[in-house]
Amino acid sequence: MNFNGKNLIFIGSILFFLQLINFVSINQINPEVERAQVLAAISSIIIMLTGFLFQRISPVSGKKVSLKGENTFIYDPSIPQDLLNELAWGSDAVLTSTAAATILISNKGKNILKRGIVSKKDFAPKDICLRCLKENKFISLVNTKFYPGSEEFDDFCKDIPSVLVIPVNKQCFILIGGWSSRCFTKSDEKWIINWSRKLQVLFNENNF
């Protein structure tokens, strides 16, 4: 069974319903029975509340969508070899170890790497990506459908359900698109952010 908040809500509801049936069917009520019924009711309500809280903390990922584009690997041949090796390894790890469908790295306004489900169009950063660079702040769009300005990513990957924007330095950022909404875990995000810090060092060392 996939144990989640819905399971807890269901179990709590069943227990609450059963204790009501038990209370109605009792012929003689005494203090001990009353205390047991109150405890049973409180316990089932706590289980249901825990389920609701679990739903809010760990929302269920959306359904995987069918994205349009070619599955390929494109990179700028001018990238220094040691940096290219790291970008190749890291992008492959992101695509195979997380729910990512596509990755793009932009440096100094140029798309230096595209991998996964790739659009033929050249991506140009706009408000969201520029804010990421300006504030040096990681941005997570868990559901682009409800996020104002998400059409910025149409040239990245059309109808992408979720997007991560991770700054590397003041001129470079990583775009990662997920197969579904809410598909990236906190562990995924932490790993990718740590990888971006490693890239920052390599970009500085190679003056690229």
Protein backbone atom coordinates (compact mmCIF):
# COMPACT_ATOMS: atom_id res chain seq x y z
CA MET A 1 0.00 0.00 0.00
CA ASN A 2 1.23 3.52 -0.82
CA PHE A 3 1.05 5.02 2.65
CA ASN A 4 0.13 8.71 2.56
CA GLY A 5 -2.20 11.30 4.09
CA LYS A 6 -5.26 9.89 2.32
CA ASN A 7 -4.68 6.52 3.99
CA LEU A 8 -4.57 8.15 7.43
CA ILE A 9 -7.77 10.09 6.75
CA PHE A 10 -9.49 6.90 5.58
CA ILE A 11 -8.33 4.87 8.60
CA GLY A 12 -9.31 7.63 11.03
CA SER A 13 -12.76 7.93 9.45
CA ILE A 14 -13.35 4.16 9.70
CA LEU A 15 -12.28 4.09 13.35
CA PHE A 16 -14.53 7.06 14.18
CA PHE A 17 -17.47 5.41 12.42
CA LEU A 18 -16.89 2.09 14.21
CA GLN A 19 -16.74 3.69 17.63
CA LEU A 20 -20.05 5.46 16.91
CA ILE A 21 -21.64 2.12 15.98
CA ASN A 22 -20.19 0.59 19.13
CA PHE A 23 -21.57 3.41 21.30
CA VAL A 24 -25.08 3.11 19.82
CA SER A 25 -25.13 -0.67 20.28
CA ILE A 26 -24.17 -0.57 24.00
CA ASN A 27 -27.06 -1.58 26.26
CA GLN A 28 -25.63 -0.14 29.47
CA ILE A 29 -23.42 2.92 29.75
CA ASN A 30 -21.10 3.40 32.71
CA PRO A 31 -18.20 5.81 33.38
CA GLU A 32 -15.61 3.31 32.12
CA VAL A 33 -17.43 2.92 28.79
CA GLU A 34 -17.83 6.68 28.44
CA ARG A 35 -14.11 7.24 29.00
CA ALA A 36 -13.24 4.54 26.45
CA GLN A 37 -15.58 6.07 23.86
CA VAL A 38 -14.17 9.55 24.37
CA LEU A 39 -10.60 8.28 24.03
CA ALA A 40 -11.53 6.31 20.89
CA ALA A 41 -13.20 9.37 19.34
CA ILE A 42 -10.24 11.63 20.16
CA SER A 43 -7.76 9.07 18.79
CA SER A 44 -9.60 8.69 15.48
CA ILE A 45 -9.88 12.49 15.10
CA ILE A 46 -6.13 12.89 15.76
CA ILE A 47 -5.40 10.26 13.08
CA MET A 48 -7.57 12.16 10.56
CA LEU A 49 -5.94 15.51 11.43
CA THR A 50 -2.50 13.94 11.01
CA GLY A 51 -3.59 12.78 7.56
CA PHE A 52 -4.70 16.30 6.58
CA LEU A 53 -1.40 17.76 7.82
CA PHE A 54 0.54 15.09 5.93
CA GLN A 55 -1.33 16.04 2.75
CA ARG A 56 -0.31 19.68 3.17
CA ILE A 57 3.35 18.95 3.98
CA SER A 58 3.83 16.26 1.32
CA PRO A 59 1.48 17.06 -1.58
CA VAL A 60 1.00 14.33 -4.16
CA SER A 61 2.84 14.77 -7.45
CA GLY A 62 0.78 15.39 -10.55
CA LYS A 63 0.51 12.98 -13.45
CA LYS A 64 3.43 12.63 -15.83
CA VAL A 65 2.81 14.60 -19.00
CA SER A 66 3.86 13.91 -22.57
CA LEU A 67 6.33 16.61 -23.56
CA LYS A 68 7.06 17.65 -27.12
CA GLY A 69 10.67 17.78 -28.22
CA GLU A 70 13.71 15.71 -29.08
CA ASN A 71 15.62 13.75 -26.46
CA THR A 72 19.16 14.85 -27.15
CA PHE A 73 22.36 16.40 -25.77
CA ILE A 74 23.58 19.72 -27.17
CA TYR A 75 26.53 21.68 -25.81
CA ASP A 76 28.78 24.60 -26.69
CA PRO A 77 32.07 23.24 -28.10
CA SER A 78 33.97 26.16 -26.57
CA ILE A 79 33.37 24.85 -23.03
CA PRO A 80 36.71 23.89 -21.38
CA GLN A 81 37.16 20.12 -21.19
CA ASP A 82 37.19 19.74 -17.40
CA LEU A 83 34.07 21.92 -17.09
CA LEU A 84 32.38 20.01 -19.91
CA ASN A 85 33.12 16.70 -18.15
CA GLU A 86 31.43 17.99 -15.00
CA LEU A 87 28.45 19.37 -16.91
CA ALA A 88 28.01 16.11 -18.80
CA TRP A 89 28.19 14.02 -15.63
CA GLY A 90 25.98 16.32 -13.59
CA SER A 91 23.27 16.77 -16.22
CA ASP A 92 23.09 13.01 -16.72
CA ALA A 93 22.81 12.49 -12.95
CA VAL A 94 19.98 15.04 -12.72
CA LEU A 95 18.03 13.39 -15.54
CA THR A 96 18.50 9.82 -14.30
CA SER A 97 18.33 10.34 -10.52
CA THR A 98 15.44 12.81 -10.25
CA ALA A 99 12.09 13.43 -11.96
CA ALA A 100 13.74 15.88 -14.37
CA ALA A 101 12.79 15.68 -18.04
CA THR A 102 15.06 18.40 -19.35
CA ILE A 103 17.96 20.61 -18.31
CA LEU A 104 19.38 23.80 -19.76
CA ILE A 105 22.38 25.86 -18.67
CA SER A 106 22.59 29.50 -19.71
CA ASN A 107 25.84 31.45 -19.34
CA LYS A 108 26.22 35.12 -20.23
CA GLY A 109 22.95 35.02 -22.18
CA LYS A 110 23.98 31.98 -24.23
CA ASN A 111 22.55 28.45 -24.00
CA ILE A 112 25.73 26.44 -23.45
CA LEU A 113 24.03 23.11 -22.68
CA LYS A 114 20.70 21.44 -23.41
CA ARG A 115 19.91 17.87 -22.47
CA GLY A 116 16.81 15.70 -22.24
CA ILE A 117 13.59 16.79 -23.97
CA VAL A 118 15.05 19.72 -25.88
CA SER A 119 13.25 22.50 -27.73
CA LYS A 120 14.67 23.62 -31.07
CA LYS A 121 14.08 27.24 -30.05
CA ASP A 122 16.77 29.33 -28.38
CA PHE A 123 15.79 30.14 -24.80
CA ALA A 124 16.13 33.77 -23.68
CA PRO A 125 15.84 34.56 -19.95
CA LYS A 126 13.11 36.94 -18.88
CA ASP A 127 11.63 38.15 -15.59
CA ILE A 128 11.82 34.95 -13.52
CA CYS A 129 15.32 33.91 -14.59
CA LEU A 130 16.63 37.47 -14.40
CA ARG A 131 15.25 37.77 -10.88
CA CYS A 132 17.01 34.53 -10.00
CA LEU A 133 20.33 36.03 -11.17
CA LYS A 134 19.75 39.43 -9.60
CA GLU A 135 18.81 38.07 -6.18
CA ASN A 136 21.09 35.00 -6.43
CA LYS A 137 18.05 33.06 -5.31
CA PHE A 138 16.85 29.54 -6.06
CA ILE A 139 13.32 29.56 -7.53
CA SER A 140 10.94 26.60 -7.62
CA LEU A 141 7.77 26.62 -9.70
CA VAL A 142 5.98 23.50 -8.48
CA ASN A 143 3.13 23.98 -10.96
CA THR A 144 3.73 26.34 -13.88
CA LYS A 145 0.05 26.18 -14.83
CA PHE A 146 -0.83 28.48 -11.94
CA TYR A 147 2.32 30.63 -11.92
CA PRO A 148 2.13 34.12 -13.52
CA GLY A 149 4.76 34.61 -16.19
CA SER A 150 5.47 30.92 -16.71
CA GLU A 151 5.10 31.40 -20.48
CA GLU A 152 8.72 32.53 -20.20
CA PHE A 153 9.63 28.83 -20.32
CA ASP A 154 7.77 27.99 -23.55
CA ASP A 155 11.05 28.17 -25.49
CA PHE A 156 12.73 26.02 -22.85
CA CYS A 157 10.21 23.18 -23.06
CA LYS A 158 6.61 23.73 -24.11
CA ASP A 159 3.99 22.94 -21.42
CA ILE A 160 6.61 21.91 -18.85
CA PRO A 161 4.69 21.20 -15.58
CA SER A 162 7.36 22.28 -13.08
CA VAL A 163 10.59 24.24 -13.22
CA LEU A 164 13.62 24.82 -11.01
CA VAL A 165 15.81 27.87 -11.60
CA ILE A 166 19.19 27.66 -9.87
CA PRO A 167 21.80 30.45 -10.01
CA VAL A 168 25.43 29.45 -10.54
CA ASN A 169 26.85 32.96 -10.53
CA LYS A 170 25.68 36.44 -11.56
CA GLN A 171 25.65 35.49 -15.26
CA CYS A 172 24.90 31.77 -15.26
CA PHE A 173 21.90 29.73 -14.19
CA ILE A 174 20.54 26.20 -14.50
CA LEU A 175 17.00 25.44 -15.67
CA ILE A 176 15.51 22.06 -14.83
CA GLY A 177 12.06 20.97 -15.95
CA GLY A 178 10.12 18.11 -14.36
CA TRP A 179 7.84 15.49 -15.90
CA SER A 180 4.98 16.45 -13.58
CA SER A 181 3.92 19.10 -11.09
CA ARG A 182 5.38 18.86 -7.55
CA CYS A 183 7.76 16.14 -8.73
CA PHE A 184 10.99 17.38 -7.15
CA THR A 185 11.73 16.40 -3.56
CA LYS A 186 13.62 18.53 -1.04
CA SER A 187 16.53 16.10 -1.41
CA ASP A 188 16.54 16.67 -5.19
CA GLU A 189 16.61 20.43 -4.71
CA LYS A 190 19.38 20.26 -2.10
CA TRP A 191 21.53 18.04 -4.32
CA ILE A 192 21.09 20.30 -7.35
CA ILE A 193 21.89 23.43 -5.34
CA ASN A 194 25.08 21.81 -4.03
CA TRP A 195 26.02 20.84 -7.60
CA SER A 196 25.51 24.47 -8.71
CA ARG A 197 28.01 25.57 -6.04
CA LYS A 198 30.57 23.14 -7.42
CA LEU A 199 29.93 24.52 -10.91
CA GLN A 200 30.47 28.05 -9.62
CA VAL A 201 34.00 27.12 -8.60
CA LEU A 202 34.72 25.46 -11.96
CA PHE A 203 33.32 28.40 -13.94
CA ASN A 204 35.57 30.78 -11.97
CA GLU A 205 38.62 28.55 -12.36
CA ASN A 206 38.12 28.34 -16.11
CA ASN A 207 37.16 32.02 -16.43
CA PHE A 208 34.23 30.90 -18.58
